[in-house]
Amino acid sequence: MNIVSLIICYLVAINIVAFFVYGIDKLKAKRNKWRIPESTLLLLAVIGGSIGALLGMKVWHHKTMHKKFTYGVPLIIVIQILFLNYLFFTSEVFVR
């Protein structure tokens, strides 16, 4: 398995986790249960789960009124796309 395959597998996995963690937190909010800290939700986005986090926000209607999520998660996506483009076009590992 090459580095690109590993990165894709990681990103798929972390986005699935982020999506469901947002859903779990929404369910806990509805039931007045212990909540997942906002810092954890944002951290999932930062470590590669930003698309899953954004989809979780949209599907579960969760954290959509919080500016740090409505602006922060899309900003994280943009930064991650720019970073991946930088790596892809400049790194010896990706350049063929």
PDB file of N, CA and C in Angstrom:
ATOM      1  N   MET A   1       0.860  -1.176   0.000  1.00  0.00           N
ATOM      2  CA  MET A   1       0.000   0.000   0.000  1.00  0.00           C
ATOM      3  C   MET A   1       0.903   1.235   0.000  1.00  0.00           C
ATOM      4  N   ASN A   2       0.650   2.144  -0.932  1.00  0.00           N
ATOM      5  CA  ASN A   2       1.487   3.339  -1.021  1.00  0.00           C
ATOM      6  C   ASN A   2       0.949   4.454  -0.125  1.00  0.00           C
ATOM      7  N   ILE A   3       1.672   5.545  -0.068  1.00  0.00           N
ATOM      8  CA  ILE A   3       1.348   6.649   0.837  1.00  0.00           C
ATOM      9  C   ILE A   3       0.005   7.293   0.477  1.00  0.00           C
ATOM     10  N   VAL A   4      -0.292   7.397  -0.804  1.00  0.00           N
ATOM     11  CA  VAL A   4      -1.553   8.007  -1.224  1.00  0.00           C
ATOM     12  C   VAL A   4      -2.728   7.158  -0.747  1.00  0.00           C
ATOM     13  N   SER A   5      -2.615   5.844  -0.876  1.00  0.00           N
ATOM     14  CA  SER A   5      -3.677   4.944  -0.408  1.00  0.00           C
ATOM     15  C   SER A   5      -3.865   5.051   1.097  1.00  0.00           C
ATOM     16  N   LEU A   6      -2.765   5.151   1.821  1.00  0.00           N
ATOM     17  CA  LEU A   6      -2.854   5.293   3.280  1.00  0.00           C
ATOM     18  C   LEU A   6      -3.543   6.596   3.672  1.00  0.00           C
ATOM     19  N   ILE A   7      -3.203   7.667   2.994  1.00  0.00           N
ATOM     20  CA  ILE A   7      -3.820   8.963   3.286  1.00  0.00           C
ATOM     21  C   ILE A   7      -5.316   8.914   2.985  1.00  0.00           C
ATOM     22  N   ILE A   8      -5.681   8.323   1.864  1.00  0.00           N
ATOM     23  CA  ILE A   8      -7.100   8.225   1.506  1.00  0.00           C
ATOM     24  C   ILE A   8      -7.854   7.393   2.531  1.00  0.00           C
ATOM     25  N   CYS A   9      -7.291   6.252   2.938  1.00  0.00           N
ATOM     26  CA  CYS A   9      -7.936   5.405   3.955  1.00  0.00           C
ATOM     27  C   CYS A   9      -8.107   6.165   5.269  1.00  0.00           C
ATOM     28  N   TYR A  10      -7.074   6.896   5.677  1.00  0.00           N
ATOM     29  CA  TYR A  10      -7.151   7.684   6.907  1.00  0.00           C
ATOM     30  C   TYR A  10      -8.252   8.732   6.806  1.00  0.00           C
ATOM     31  N   LEU A  11      -8.274   9.464   5.695  1.00  0.00           N
ATOM     32  CA  LEU A  11      -9.262  10.537   5.543  1.00  0.00           C
ATOM     33  C   LEU A  11     -10.688   9.995   5.512  1.00  0.00           C
ATOM     34  N   VAL A  12     -10.898   8.881   4.845  1.00  0.00           N
ATOM     35  CA  VAL A  12     -12.229   8.271   4.834  1.00  0.00           C
ATOM     36  C   VAL A  12     -12.635   7.886   6.251  1.00  0.00           C
ATOM     37  N   ALA A  13     -11.728   7.233   6.976  1.00  0.00           N
ATOM     38  CA  ALA A  13     -12.035   6.774   8.331  1.00  0.00           C
ATOM     39  C   ALA A  13     -12.313   7.942   9.281  1.00  0.00           C
ATOM     40  N   ILE A  14     -11.476   8.970   9.272  1.00  0.00           N
ATOM     41  CA  ILE A  14     -11.638  10.079  10.216  1.00  0.00           C
ATOM     42  C   ILE A  14     -12.896  10.885   9.883  1.00  0.00           C
ATOM     43  N   ASN A  15     -13.254  10.961   8.612  1.00  0.00           N
ATOM     44  CA  ASN A  15     -14.478  11.676   8.241  1.00  0.00           C
ATOM     45  C   ASN A  15     -15.724  10.908   8.663  1.00  0.00           C
ATOM     46  N   ILE A  16     -15.695   9.597   8.574  1.00  0.00           N
ATOM     47  CA  ILE A  16     -16.815   8.789   9.056  1.00  0.00           C
ATOM     48  C   ILE A  16     -16.958   8.959  10.560  1.00  0.00           C
ATOM     49  N   VAL A  17     -15.830   8.914  11.273  1.00  0.00           N
ATOM     50  CA  VAL A  17     -15.858   9.101  12.729  1.00  0.00           C
ATOM     51  C   VAL A  17     -16.425  10.473  13.073  1.00  0.00           C
ATOM     52  N   ALA A  18     -15.923  11.520  12.416  1.00  0.00           N
ATOM     53  CA  ALA A  18     -16.394  12.886  12.702  1.00  0.00           C
ATOM     54  C   ALA A  18     -17.889  13.012  12.457  1.00  0.00           C
ATOM     55  N   PHE A  19     -18.362  12.477  11.352  1.00  0.00           N
ATOM     56  CA  PHE A  19     -19.783  12.547  11.022  1.00  0.00           C
ATOM     57  C   PHE A  19     -20.637  11.948  12.140  1.00  0.00           C
ATOM     58  N   PHE A  20     -20.276  10.759  12.585  1.00  0.00           N
ATOM     59  CA  PHE A  20     -21.080  10.095  13.612  1.00  0.00           C
ATOM     60  C   PHE A  20     -20.903  10.706  14.999  1.00  0.00           C
ATOM     61  N   VAL A  21     -19.736  11.266  15.291  1.00  0.00           N
ATOM     62  CA  VAL A  21     -19.545  11.931  16.585  1.00  0.00           C
ATOM     63  C   VAL A  21     -20.431  13.174  16.668  1.00  0.00           C
ATOM     64  N   TYR A  22     -20.561  13.903  15.563  1.00  0.00           N
ATOM     65  CA  TYR A  22     -21.475  15.047  15.555  1.00  0.00           C
ATOM     66  C   TYR A  22     -22.904  14.581  15.786  1.00  0.00           C
ATOM     67  N   GLY A  23     -23.284  13.465  15.187  1.00  0.00           N
ATOM     68  CA  GLY A  23     -24.620  12.917  15.393  1.00  0.00           C
ATOM     69  C   GLY A  23     -24.841  12.465  16.828  1.00  0.00           C
ATOM     70  N   ILE A  24     -23.841  11.830  17.407  1.00  0.00           N
ATOM     71  CA  ILE A  24     -23.941  11.388  18.799  1.00  0.00           C
ATOM     72  C   ILE A  24     -24.088  12.584  19.725  1.00  0.00           C
ATOM     73  N   ASP A  25     -23.311  13.640  19.474  1.00  0.00           N
ATOM     74  CA  ASP A  25     -23.409  14.824  20.324  1.00  0.00           C
ATOM     75  C   ASP A  25     -24.782  15.483  20.195  1.00  0.00           C
ATOM     76  N   LYS A  26     -25.347  15.492  18.998  1.00  0.00           N
ATOM     77  CA  LYS A  26     -26.680  16.055  18.809  1.00  0.00           C
ATOM     78  C   LYS A  26     -27.714  15.240  19.591  1.00  0.00           C
ATOM     79  N   LEU A  27     -27.606  13.923  19.539  1.00  0.00           N
ATOM     80  CA  LEU A  27     -28.514  13.054  20.284  1.00  0.00           C
ATOM     81  C   LEU A  27     -28.391  13.290  21.791  1.00  0.00           C
ATOM     82  N   LYS A  28     -27.155  13.444  22.258  1.00  0.00           N
ATOM     83  CA  LYS A  28     -26.939  13.714  23.678  1.00  0.00           C
ATOM     84  C   LYS A  28     -27.516  15.073  24.066  1.00  0.00           C
ATOM     85  N   ALA A  29     -27.417  16.040  23.174  1.00  0.00           N
ATOM     86  CA  ALA A  29     -27.974  17.372  23.454  1.00  0.00           C
ATOM     87  C   ALA A  29     -29.486  17.292  23.608  1.00  0.00           C
ATOM     88  N   LYS A  30     -30.126  16.527  22.751  1.00  0.00           N
ATOM     89  CA  LYS A  30     -31.588  16.381  22.822  1.00  0.00           C
ATOM     90  C   LYS A  30     -32.027  15.700  24.110  1.00  0.00           C
ATOM     91  N   ARG A  31     -31.188  14.818  24.624  1.00  0.00           N
ATOM     92  CA  ARG A  31     -31.548  14.039  25.813  1.00  0.00           C
ATOM     93  C   ARG A  31     -30.970  14.612  27.109  1.00  0.00           C
ATOM     94  N   ASN A  32     -30.408  15.808  27.036  1.00  0.00           N
ATOM     95  CA  ASN A  32     -29.785  16.454  28.206  1.00  0.00           C
ATOM     96  C   ASN A  32     -28.758  15.561  28.885  1.00  0.00           C
ATOM     97  N   LYS A  33     -27.945  14.897  28.096  1.00  0.00           N
ATOM     98  CA  LYS A  33     -26.887  14.018  28.608  1.00  0.00           C
ATOM     99  C   LYS A  33     -25.554  14.738  28.533  1.00  0.00           C
ATOM    100  N   TRP A  34     -24.535  14.066  29.079  1.00  0.00           N
ATOM    101  CA  TRP A  34     -23.170  14.581  28.998  1.00  0.00           C
ATOM    102  C   TRP A  34     -22.791  14.785  27.546  1.00  0.00           C
ATOM    103  N   ARG A  35     -22.190  15.928  27.230  1.00  0.00           N
ATOM    104  CA  ARG A  35     -21.892  16.319  25.852  1.00  0.00           C
ATOM    105  C   ARG A  35     -20.429  16.124  25.515  1.00  0.00           C
ATOM    106  N   ILE A  36     -20.178  15.984  24.242  1.00  0.00           N
ATOM    107  CA  ILE A  36     -18.809  15.935  23.726  1.00  0.00           C
ATOM    108  C   ILE A  36     -18.314  17.376  23.658  1.00  0.00           C
ATOM    109  N   PRO A  37     -17.136  17.655  24.220  1.00  0.00           N
ATOM    110  CA  PRO A  37     -16.644  19.044  24.214  1.00  0.00           C
ATOM    111  C   PRO A  37     -16.502  19.609  22.797  1.00  0.00           C
ATOM    112  N   GLU A  38     -16.795  20.895  22.657  1.00  0.00           N
ATOM    113  CA  GLU A  38     -16.646  21.552  21.362  1.00  0.00           C
ATOM    114  C   GLU A  38     -15.226  21.443  20.847  1.00  0.00           C
ATOM    115  N   SER A  39     -14.262  21.487  21.762  1.00  0.00           N
ATOM    116  CA  SER A  39     -12.860  21.371  21.339  1.00  0.00           C
ATOM    117  C   SER A  39     -12.600  20.024  20.671  1.00  0.00           C
ATOM    118  N   THR A  40     -13.249  18.979  21.140  1.00  0.00           N
ATOM    119  CA  THR A  40     -13.094  17.656  20.527  1.00  0.00           C
ATOM    120  C   THR A  40     -13.725  17.633  19.137  1.00  0.00           C
ATOM    121  N   LEU A  41     -14.898  18.238  19.021  1.00  0.00           N
ATOM    122  CA  LEU A  41     -15.571  18.293  17.717  1.00  0.00           C
ATOM    123  C   LEU A  41     -14.719  19.051  16.702  1.00  0.00           C
ATOM    124  N   LEU A  42     -14.154  20.162  17.116  1.00  0.00           N
ATOM    125  CA  LEU A  42     -13.293  20.935  16.221  1.00  0.00           C
ATOM    126  C   LEU A  42     -11.987  20.200  15.928  1.00  0.00           C
ATOM    127  N   LEU A  43     -11.450  19.509  16.920  1.00  0.00           N
ATOM    128  CA  LEU A  43     -10.214  18.752  16.719  1.00  0.00           C
ATOM    129  C   LEU A  43     -10.407  17.669  15.659  1.00  0.00           C
ATOM    130  N   LEU A  44     -11.553  17.011  15.673  1.00  0.00           N
ATOM    131  CA  LEU A  44     -11.838  16.008  14.646  1.00  0.00           C
ATOM    132  C   LEU A  44     -11.775  16.633  13.249  1.00  0.00           C
ATOM    133  N   ALA A  45     -12.269  17.851  13.118  1.00  0.00           N
ATOM    134  CA  ALA A  45     -12.201  18.542  11.831  1.00  0.00           C
ATOM    135  C   ALA A  45     -10.757  18.867  11.472  1.00  0.00           C
ATOM    136  N   VAL A  46      -9.996  19.337  12.428  1.00  0.00           N
ATOM    137  CA  VAL A  46      -8.608  19.747  12.186  1.00  0.00           C
ATOM    138  C   VAL A  46      -7.727  18.567  11.774  1.00  0.00           C
ATOM    139  N   ILE A  47      -7.949  17.406  12.368  1.00  0.00           N
ATOM    140  CA  ILE A  47      -7.076  16.266  12.063  1.00  0.00           C
ATOM    141  C   ILE A  47      -7.526  15.501  10.816  1.00  0.00           C
ATOM    142  N   GLY A  48      -8.389  16.106  10.026  1.00  0.00           N
ATOM    143  CA  GLY A  48      -8.741  15.533   8.737  1.00  0.00           C
ATOM    144  C   GLY A  48     -10.203  15.205   8.548  1.00  0.00           C
ATOM    145  N   GLY A  49     -11.010  15.363   9.580  1.00  0.00           N
ATOM    146  CA  GLY A  49     -12.422  15.018   9.476  1.00  0.00           C
ATOM    147  C   GLY A  49     -13.322  16.188   9.179  1.00  0.00           C
ATOM    148  N   SER A  50     -12.807  17.187   8.500  1.00  0.00           N
ATOM    149  CA  SER A  50     -13.573  18.416   8.282  1.00  0.00           C
ATOM    150  C   SER A  50     -14.792  18.204   7.385  1.00  0.00           C
ATOM    151  N   ILE A  51     -14.673  17.375   6.377  1.00  0.00           N
ATOM    152  CA  ILE A  51     -15.821  17.130   5.502  1.00  0.00           C
ATOM    153  C   ILE A  51     -16.889  16.351   6.261  1.00  0.00           C
ATOM    154  N   GLY A  52     -16.482  15.364   7.046  1.00  0.00           N
ATOM    155  CA  GLY A  52     -17.426  14.622   7.879  1.00  0.00           C
ATOM    156  C   GLY A  52     -18.088  15.524   8.906  1.00  0.00           C
ATOM    157  N   ALA A  53     -17.302  16.454   9.469  1.00  0.00           N
ATOM    158  CA  ALA A  53     -17.851  17.403  10.437  1.00  0.00           C
ATOM    159  C   ALA A  53     -18.891  18.304   9.770  1.00  0.00           C
ATOM    160  N   LEU A  54     -18.567  18.818   8.597  1.00  0.00           N
ATOM    161  CA  LEU A  54     -19.509  19.689   7.888  1.00  0.00           C
ATOM    162  C   LEU A  54     -20.777  18.926   7.503  1.00  0.00           C
ATOM    163  N   LEU A  55     -20.621  17.707   7.010  1.00  0.00           N
ATOM    164  CA  LEU A  55     -21.796  16.896   6.682  1.00  0.00           C
ATOM    165  C   LEU A  55     -22.607  16.582   7.939  1.00  0.00           C
ATOM    166  N   GLY A  56     -21.919  16.314   9.049  1.00  0.00           N
ATOM    167  CA  GLY A  56     -22.604  16.076  10.317  1.00  0.00           C
ATOM    168  C   GLY A  56     -23.391  17.292  10.775  1.00  0.00           C
ATOM    169  N   MET A  57     -22.810  18.467  10.590  1.00  0.00           N
ATOM    170  CA  MET A  57     -23.513  19.691  10.947  1.00  0.00           C
ATOM    171  C   MET A  57     -24.783  19.839  10.110  1.00  0.00           C
ATOM    172  N   LYS A  58     -24.677  19.545   8.818  1.00  0.00           N
ATOM    173  CA  LYS A  58     -25.822  19.704   7.917  1.00  0.00           C
ATOM    174  C   LYS A  58     -26.884  18.625   8.162  1.00  0.00           C
ATOM    175  N   VAL A  59     -26.467  17.378   8.236  1.00  0.00           N
ATOM    176  CA  VAL A  59     -27.426  16.268   8.371  1.00  0.00           C
ATOM    177  C   VAL A  59     -28.103  16.281   9.736  1.00  0.00           C
ATOM    178  N   TRP A  60     -27.320  16.465  10.789  1.00  0.00           N
ATOM    179  CA  TRP A  60     -27.871  16.409  12.148  1.00  0.00           C
ATOM    180  C   TRP A  60     -28.370  17.782  12.606  1.00  0.00           C
ATOM    181  N   HIS A  61     -28.186  18.825  11.801  1.00  0.00           N
ATOM    182  CA  HIS A  61     -28.555  20.203  12.189  1.00  0.00           C
ATOM    183  C   HIS A  61     -27.928  20.541  13.544  1.00  0.00           C
ATOM    184  N   HIS A  62     -26.625  20.342  13.610  1.00  0.00           N
ATOM    185  CA  HIS A  62     -25.913  20.481  14.873  1.00  0.00           C
ATOM    186  C   HIS A  62     -24.810  21.516  14.756  1.00  0.00           C
ATOM    187  N   LYS A  63     -24.756  22.405  15.719  1.00  0.00           N
ATOM    188  CA  LYS A  63     -23.742  23.463  15.812  1.00  0.00           C
ATOM    189  C   LYS A  63     -23.846  24.459  14.649  1.00  0.00           C
ATOM    190  N   THR A  64     -24.995  24.544  14.030  1.00  0.00           N
ATOM    191  CA  THR A  64     -25.155  25.433  12.882  1.00  0.00           C
ATOM    192  C   THR A  64     -25.348  26.894  13.278  1.00  0.00           C
ATOM    193  N   MET A  65     -25.576  27.150  14.542  1.00  0.00           N
ATOM    194  CA  MET A  65     -25.742  28.526  15.017  1.00  0.00           C
ATOM    195  C   MET A  65     -24.482  29.050  15.712  1.00  0.00           C
ATOM    196  N   HIS A  66     -23.459  28.229  15.779  1.00  0.00           N
ATOM    197  CA  HIS A  66     -22.211  28.615  16.433  1.00  0.00           C
ATOM    198  C   HIS A  66     -21.217  29.083  15.369  1.00  0.00           C
ATOM    199  N   LYS A  67     -20.804  30.345  15.468  1.00  0.00           N
ATOM    200  CA  LYS A  67     -19.924  30.917  14.445  1.00  0.00           C
ATOM    201  C   LYS A  67     -18.604  30.171  14.317  1.00  0.00           C
ATOM    202  N   LYS A  68     -18.077  29.671  15.445  1.00  0.00           N
ATOM    203  CA  LYS A  68     -16.793  28.980  15.335  1.00  0.00           C
ATOM    204  C   LYS A  68     -16.927  27.679  14.545  1.00  0.00           C
ATOM    205  N   PHE A  69     -18.133  27.165  14.419  1.00  0.00           N
ATOM    206  CA  PHE A  69     -18.365  25.982  13.602  1.00  0.00           C
ATOM    207  C   PHE A  69     -18.785  26.361  12.185  1.00  0.00           C
ATOM    208  N   THR A  70     -19.713  27.309  12.055  1.00  0.00           N
ATOM    209  CA  THR A  70     -20.213  27.655  10.717  1.00  0.00           C
ATOM    210  C   THR A  70     -19.147  28.321   9.852  1.00  0.00           C
ATOM    211  N   TYR A  71     -18.214  29.031  10.480  1.00  0.00           N
ATOM    212  CA  TYR A  71     -17.104  29.625   9.736  1.00  0.00           C
ATOM    213  C   TYR A  71     -15.833  28.795   9.875  1.00  0.00           C
ATOM    214  N   GLY A  72     -15.646  28.212  11.034  1.00  0.00           N
ATOM    215  CA  GLY A  72     -14.408  27.486  11.315  1.00  0.00           C
ATOM    216  C   GLY A  72     -14.236  26.211  10.511  1.00  0.00           C
ATOM    217  N   VAL A  73     -15.284  25.391  10.443  1.00  0.00           N
ATOM    218  CA  VAL A  73     -15.166  24.119   9.728  1.00  0.00           C
ATOM    219  C   VAL A  73     -14.936  24.349   8.227  1.00  0.00           C
ATOM    220  N   PRO A  74     -15.693  25.225   7.556  1.00  0.00           N
ATOM    221  CA  PRO A  74     -15.369  25.483   6.145  1.00  0.00           C
ATOM    222  C   PRO A  74     -13.962  26.055   5.949  1.00  0.00           C
ATOM    223  N   LEU A  75     -13.517  26.901   6.864  1.00  0.00           N
ATOM    224  CA  LEU A  75     -12.154  27.432   6.780  1.00  0.00           C
ATOM    225  C   LEU A  75     -11.125  26.308   6.919  1.00  0.00           C
ATOM    226  N   ILE A  76     -11.375  25.382   7.818  1.00  0.00           N
ATOM    227  CA  ILE A  76     -10.477  24.233   7.989  1.00  0.00           C
ATOM    228  C   ILE A  76     -10.426  23.421   6.692  1.00  0.00           C
ATOM    229  N   ILE A  77     -11.578  23.241   6.045  1.00  0.00           N
ATOM    230  CA  ILE A  77     -11.605  22.504   4.773  1.00  0.00           C
ATOM    231  C   ILE A  77     -10.730  23.198   3.732  1.00  0.00           C
ATOM    232  N   VAL A  78     -10.865  24.506   3.617  1.00  0.00           N
ATOM    233  CA  VAL A  78     -10.071  25.264   2.640  1.00  0.00           C
ATOM    234  C   VAL A  78      -8.585  25.115   2.939  1.00  0.00           C
ATOM    235  N   ILE A  79      -8.205  25.256   4.190  1.00  0.00           N
ATOM    236  CA  ILE A  79      -6.797  25.129   4.572  1.00  0.00           C
ATOM    237  C   ILE A  79      -6.290  23.722   4.257  1.00  0.00           C
ATOM    238  N   GLN A  80      -7.093  22.708   4.547  1.00  0.00           N
ATOM    239  CA  GLN A  80      -6.677  21.333   4.272  1.00  0.00           C
ATOM    240  C   GLN A  80      -6.535  21.079   2.775  1.00  0.00           C
ATOM    241  N   ILE A  81      -7.440  21.614   1.979  1.00  0.00           N
ATOM    242  CA  ILE A  81      -7.332  21.458   0.525  1.00  0.00           C
ATOM    243  C   ILE A  81      -6.071  22.131   0.004  1.00  0.00           C
ATOM    244  N   LEU A  82      -5.795  23.339   0.485  1.00  0.00           N
ATOM    245  CA  LEU A  82      -4.575  24.040   0.073  1.00  0.00           C
ATOM    246  C   LEU A  82      -3.330  23.254   0.487  1.00  0.00           C
ATOM    247  N   PHE A  83      -3.342  22.709   1.697  1.00  0.00           N
ATOM    248  CA  PHE A  83      -2.209  21.934   2.192  1.00  0.00           C
ATOM    249  C   PHE A  83      -2.009  20.661   1.365  1.00  0.00           C
ATOM    250  N   LEU A  84      -3.092  19.949   1.069  1.00  0.00           N
ATOM    251  CA  LEU A  84      -2.980  18.730   0.261  1.00  0.00           C
ATOM    252  C   LEU A  84      -2.506  19.047  -1.156  1.00  0.00           C
ATOM    253  N   ASN A  85      -2.990  20.150  -1.723  1.00  0.00           N
ATOM    254  CA  ASN A  85      -2.501  20.566  -3.039  1.00  0.00           C
ATOM    255  C   ASN A  85      -1.016  20.886  -2.995  1.00  0.00           C
ATOM    256  N   TYR A  86      -0.592  21.588  -1.951  1.00  0.00           N
ATOM    257  CA  TYR A  86       0.823  21.898  -1.785  1.00  0.00           C
ATOM    258  C   TYR A  86       1.647  20.613  -1.715  1.00  0.00           C
ATOM    259  N   LEU A  87       1.200  19.679  -0.886  1.00  0.00           N
ATOM    260  CA  LEU A  87       1.922  18.407  -0.768  1.00  0.00           C
ATOM    261  C   LEU A  87       1.942  17.653  -2.086  1.00  0.00           C
ATOM    262  N   PHE A  88       0.802  17.586  -2.729  1.00  0.00           N
ATOM    263  CA  PHE A  88       0.683  16.809  -3.955  1.00  0.00           C
ATOM    264  C   PHE A  88       1.584  17.361  -5.059  1.00  0.00           C
ATOM    265  N   PHE A  89       1.658  18.682  -5.187  1.00  0.00           N
ATOM    266  CA  PHE A  89       2.401  19.267  -6.285  1.00  0.00           C
ATOM    267  C   PHE A  89       3.856  19.581  -5.965  1.00  0.00           C
ATOM    268  N   THR A  90       4.244  19.511  -4.697  1.00  0.00           N
ATOM    269  CA  THR A  90       5.630  19.848  -4.364  1.00  0.00           C
ATOM    270  C   THR A  90       6.407  18.711  -3.717  1.00  0.00           C
ATOM    271  N   SER A  91       5.729  17.748  -3.164  1.00  0.00           N
ATOM    272  CA  SER A  91       6.413  16.690  -2.455  1.00  0.00           C
ATOM    273  C   SER A  91       6.977  15.652  -3.417  1.00  0.00           C
ATOM    274  N   GLU A  92       8.157  15.191  -3.127  1.00  0.00           N
ATOM    275  CA  GLU A  92       8.798  14.143  -3.918  1.00  0.00           C
ATOM    276  C   GLU A  92       8.011  12.839  -3.863  1.00  0.00           C
ATOM    277  N   VAL A  93       7.292  12.636  -2.775  1.00  0.00           N
ATOM    278  CA  VAL A  93       6.524  11.396  -2.603  1.00  0.00           C
ATOM    279  C   VAL A  93       5.387  11.340  -3.608  1.00  0.00           C
ATOM    280  N   PHE A  94       4.764  12.485  -3.887  1.00  0.00           N
ATOM    281  CA  PHE A  94       3.592  12.514  -4.749  1.00  0.00           C
ATOM    282  C   PHE A  94       3.937  12.825  -6.199  1.00  0.00           C
ATOM    283  N   VAL A  95       5.009  13.594  -6.429  1.00  0.00           N
ATOM    284  CA  VAL A  95       5.362  13.981  -7.784  1.00  0.00           C
ATOM    285  C   VAL A  95       5.887  12.746  -8.511  1.00  0.00           C
ATOM    286  N   ARG A  96       5.352  12.508  -9.688  1.00  0.00           N
ATOM    287  CA  ARG A  96       5.775  11.300 -10.436  1.00  0.00           C
ATOM    288  C   ARG A  96       6.570  11.711 -11.644  1.00  0.00           C
TER     289      ARG A  96
END
